[in-house]
Amino acid sequence: QVQLVESGGGLVQAGGSLRLSCAASGTIFSIYAMGWYRQAPGKQRELVAHITSGGNTNYAGSVKGRFTISRDNAKNTVYLQMNSLKPEDTAVYYCMQRSRGVSPDYWGQGTQVTVSS
């Protein structure tokens, strides 16, 4: 059973930083692309950052230059370093293991990030 557990969320002032972690278990972590998504109240879930199994990354335009996604395959963990946070970054952040072959997408339970102005 694949499990994804996010941590590192919290309350931070605008301009501050947070580092989110997502620990995966029950999966061959290294072969899957991983993503961070977020969902603010009343809005649709959106992709924040994505990293392939080979380490290639892409970002939403709103976070490019401020957020960095990375992975440590030895620890089965994907990270999201968030710098220069803005109030509009406030959301629940979700980790996702992207589908591959017959394996579906898997999601974590989410971690709340709140940025105060």
C-alpha atoms as a PDB file:
ATOM      1  CA  GLN A   1       0.000   0.000   0.000  1.00  0.00           C
ATOM      2  CA  VAL A   2       1.459   3.312  -1.092  1.00  0.00           C
ATOM      3  CA  GLN A   3       1.511   5.965   1.611  1.00  0.00           C
ATOM      4  CA  LEU A   4       2.599   9.572   1.259  1.00  0.00           C
ATOM      5  CA  VAL A   5       2.996  11.627   4.418  1.00  0.00           C
ATOM      6  CA  GLU A   6       3.573  15.366   4.196  1.00  0.00           C
ATOM      7  CA  SER A   7       5.113  17.474   6.941  1.00  0.00           C
ATOM      8  CA  GLY A   8       6.622  20.905   7.443  1.00  0.00           C
ATOM      9  CA  GLY A   9       3.599  23.123   7.017  1.00  0.00           C
ATOM     10  CA  GLY A  10       2.740  25.910   9.411  1.00  0.00           C
ATOM     11  CA  LEU A  11       2.230  29.625   9.911  1.00  0.00           C
ATOM     12  CA  VAL A  12       4.843  32.013   8.584  1.00  0.00           C
ATOM     13  CA  GLN A  13       5.044  35.723   7.913  1.00  0.00           C
ATOM     14  CA  ALA A  14       5.213  37.070   4.400  1.00  0.00           C
ATOM     15  CA  GLY A  15       8.771  36.915   3.117  1.00  0.00           C
ATOM     16  CA  GLY A  16       9.569  33.878   5.216  1.00  0.00           C
ATOM     17  CA  SER A  17      10.453  30.331   4.252  1.00  0.00           C
ATOM     18  CA  LEU A  18       9.182  26.829   4.834  1.00  0.00           C
ATOM     19  CA  ARG A  19      10.391  23.428   3.724  1.00  0.00           C
ATOM     20  CA  LEU A  20       7.809  20.755   3.074  1.00  0.00           C
ATOM     21  CA  SER A  21       8.692  17.074   3.092  1.00  0.00           C
ATOM     22  CA  CYS A  22       6.797  14.104   1.718  1.00  0.00           C
ATOM     23  CA  ALA A  23       7.900  10.670   2.857  1.00  0.00           C
ATOM     24  CA  ALA A  24       6.802   7.768   0.679  1.00  0.00           C
ATOM     25  CA  SER A  25       6.421   4.130   1.660  1.00  0.00           C
ATOM     26  CA  GLY A  26       5.148   0.994  -0.032  1.00  0.00           C
ATOM     27  CA  THR A  27       6.466   2.109  -3.398  1.00  0.00           C
ATOM     28  CA  ILE A  28       9.536   1.933  -5.608  1.00  0.00           C
ATOM     29  CA  PHE A  29       9.951   5.663  -5.096  1.00  0.00           C
ATOM     30  CA  SER A  30      12.826   6.262  -7.493  1.00  0.00           C
ATOM     31  CA  ILE A  31      10.927   5.295 -10.636  1.00  0.00           C
ATOM     32  CA  TYR A  32       8.024   7.691 -10.161  1.00  0.00           C
ATOM     33  CA  ALA A  33       7.581  11.321 -10.984  1.00  0.00           C
ATOM     34  CA  MET A  34       6.401  13.325  -8.003  1.00  0.00           C
ATOM     35  CA  GLY A  35       4.468  16.535  -7.668  1.00  0.00           C
ATOM     36  CA  TRP A  36       3.425  19.148  -5.160  1.00  0.00           C
ATOM     37  CA  TYR A  37      -0.056  20.597  -5.550  1.00  0.00           C
ATOM     38  CA  ARG A  38      -1.967  23.112  -3.504  1.00  0.00           C
ATOM     39  CA  GLN A  39      -5.573  24.026  -2.911  1.00  0.00           C
ATOM     40  CA  ALA A  40      -6.720  27.295  -1.439  1.00  0.00           C
ATOM     41  CA  PRO A  41     -10.234  27.734  -0.009  1.00  0.00           C
ATOM     42  CA  GLY A  42     -12.780  28.045  -2.785  1.00  0.00           C
ATOM     43  CA  LYS A  43     -10.233  27.293  -5.499  1.00  0.00           C
ATOM     44  CA  GLN A  44      -9.307  24.278  -7.558  1.00  0.00           C
ATOM     45  CA  ARG A  45      -6.260  22.206  -6.754  1.00  0.00           C
ATOM     46  CA  GLU A  46      -3.304  23.389  -8.823  1.00  0.00           C
ATOM     47  CA  LEU A  47       0.127  22.055  -9.677  1.00  0.00           C
ATOM     48  CA  VAL A  48       2.923  23.876  -7.887  1.00  0.00           C
ATOM     49  CA  ALA A  49       6.000  21.882  -8.892  1.00  0.00           C
ATOM     50  CA  HIS A  50       6.867  18.583 -10.530  1.00  0.00           C
ATOM     51  CA  ILE A  51       9.990  16.447 -10.622  1.00  0.00           C
ATOM     52  CA  THR A  52      10.588  13.464 -12.881  1.00  0.00           C
ATOM     53  CA  SER A  53      12.319  10.257 -11.875  1.00  0.00           C
ATOM     54  CA  GLY A  54      15.392  11.642 -13.592  1.00  0.00           C
ATOM     55  CA  GLY A  55      15.308  14.885 -11.640  1.00  0.00           C
ATOM     56  CA  ASN A  56      13.911  17.238 -14.271  1.00  0.00           C
ATOM     57  CA  THR A  57      11.715  19.909 -12.733  1.00  0.00           C
ATOM     58  CA  ASN A  58       9.020  22.347 -13.731  1.00  0.00           C
ATOM     59  CA  TYR A  59       7.096  24.970 -11.793  1.00  0.00           C
ATOM     60  CA  ALA A  60       3.928  26.988 -11.881  1.00  0.00           C
ATOM     61  CA  GLY A  61       4.634  30.505 -13.048  1.00  0.00           C
ATOM     62  CA  SER A  62       3.464  31.950  -9.746  1.00  0.00           C
ATOM     63  CA  VAL A  63       6.191  30.163  -7.766  1.00  0.00           C
ATOM     64  CA  LYS A  64       9.053  30.037 -10.252  1.00  0.00           C
ATOM     65  CA  GLY A  65      12.194  31.489  -8.733  1.00  0.00           C
ATOM     66  CA  ARG A  66      10.824  31.191  -5.189  1.00  0.00           C
ATOM     67  CA  PHE A  67      10.112  27.468  -4.752  1.00  0.00           C
ATOM     68  CA  THR A  68      12.431  24.525  -5.367  1.00  0.00           C
ATOM     69  CA  ILE A  69      11.392  20.898  -5.631  1.00  0.00           C
ATOM     70  CA  SER A  70      13.945  18.172  -4.983  1.00  0.00           C
ATOM     71  CA  ARG A  71      14.049  14.490  -4.176  1.00  0.00           C
ATOM     72  CA  ASP A  72      16.217  12.122  -2.167  1.00  0.00           C
ATOM     73  CA  ASN A  73      15.668   8.621  -3.510  1.00  0.00           C
ATOM     74  CA  ALA A  74      17.731   7.100  -0.709  1.00  0.00           C
ATOM     75  CA  LYS A  75      15.226   8.506   1.789  1.00  0.00           C
ATOM     76  CA  ASN A  76      12.114   8.037  -0.381  1.00  0.00           C
ATOM     77  CA  THR A  77      11.372  11.705   0.171  1.00  0.00           C
ATOM     78  CA  VAL A  78      10.454  14.670  -1.989  1.00  0.00           C
ATOM     79  CA  TYR A  79      10.889  18.220  -0.735  1.00  0.00           C
ATOM     80  CA  LEU A  80       9.485  21.636  -1.529  1.00  0.00           C
ATOM     81  CA  GLN A  81      11.618  24.555  -0.387  1.00  0.00           C
ATOM     82  CA  MET A  82       9.468  27.660  -0.325  1.00  0.00           C
ATOM     83  CA  ASN A  83      11.142  31.057  -0.041  1.00  0.00           C
ATOM     84  CA  SER A  84       9.811  34.612  -0.199  1.00  0.00           C
ATOM     85  CA  LEU A  85       6.375  33.380   0.764  1.00  0.00           C
ATOM     86  CA  LYS A  86       3.354  35.521  -0.008  1.00  0.00           C
ATOM     87  CA  PRO A  87      -0.137  35.532   1.511  1.00  0.00           C
ATOM     88  CA  GLU A  88      -1.450  34.134  -1.771  1.00  0.00           C
ATOM     89  CA  ASP A  89       0.652  31.009  -1.170  1.00  0.00           C
ATOM     90  CA  THR A  90      -1.702  30.107   1.679  1.00  0.00           C
ATOM     91  CA  ALA A  91      -3.237  26.706   0.919  1.00  0.00           C
ATOM     92  CA  VAL A  92      -3.226  23.046   1.785  1.00  0.00           C
ATOM     93  CA  TYR A  93      -0.226  21.501   0.047  1.00  0.00           C
ATOM     94  CA  TYR A  94      -0.440  17.946  -1.239  1.00  0.00           C
ATOM     95  CA  CYS A  95       2.215  15.522  -2.367  1.00  0.00           C
ATOM     96  CA  MET A  96       1.414  13.276  -5.319  1.00  0.00           C
ATOM     97  CA  GLN A  97       3.054  10.226  -6.853  1.00  0.00           C
ATOM     98  CA  ARG A  98       2.229  10.332 -10.540  1.00  0.00           C
ATOM     99  CA  SER A  99       0.658   7.352 -12.228  1.00  0.00           C
ATOM    100  CA  ARG A 100       2.869   5.016 -14.233  1.00  0.00           C
ATOM    101  CA  GLY A 101       1.629   2.046 -16.241  1.00  0.00           C
ATOM    102  CA  VAL A 102      -1.177   0.425 -14.259  1.00  0.00           C
ATOM    103  CA  SER A 103      -0.250   2.295 -11.077  1.00  0.00           C
ATOM    104  CA  PRO A 104      -2.636   5.210 -10.402  1.00  0.00           C
ATOM    105  CA  ASP A 105      -1.907   8.606  -8.889  1.00  0.00           C
ATOM    106  CA  TYR A 106      -1.454   8.527  -5.126  1.00  0.00           C
ATOM    107  CA  TRP A 107      -1.993  11.512  -2.827  1.00  0.00           C
ATOM    108  CA  GLY A 108      -0.918  12.462   0.636  1.00  0.00           C
ATOM    109  CA  GLN A 109      -3.273  13.873   3.238  1.00  0.00           C
ATOM    110  CA  GLY A 110      -2.025  17.436   2.842  1.00  0.00           C
ATOM    111  CA  THR A 111      -0.299  19.963   5.071  1.00  0.00           C
ATOM    112  CA  GLN A 112      -1.548  23.473   5.775  1.00  0.00           C
ATOM    113  CA  VAL A 113       0.611  26.451   4.883  1.00  0.00           C
ATOM    114  CA  THR A 114      -0.566  29.844   6.084  1.00  0.00           C
ATOM    115  CA  VAL A 115       1.284  33.025   5.185  1.00  0.00           C
ATOM    116  CA  SER A 116       0.346  36.128   7.156  1.00  0.00           C
ATOM    117  CA  SER A 117       0.751  39.633   5.773  1.00  0.00           C
END
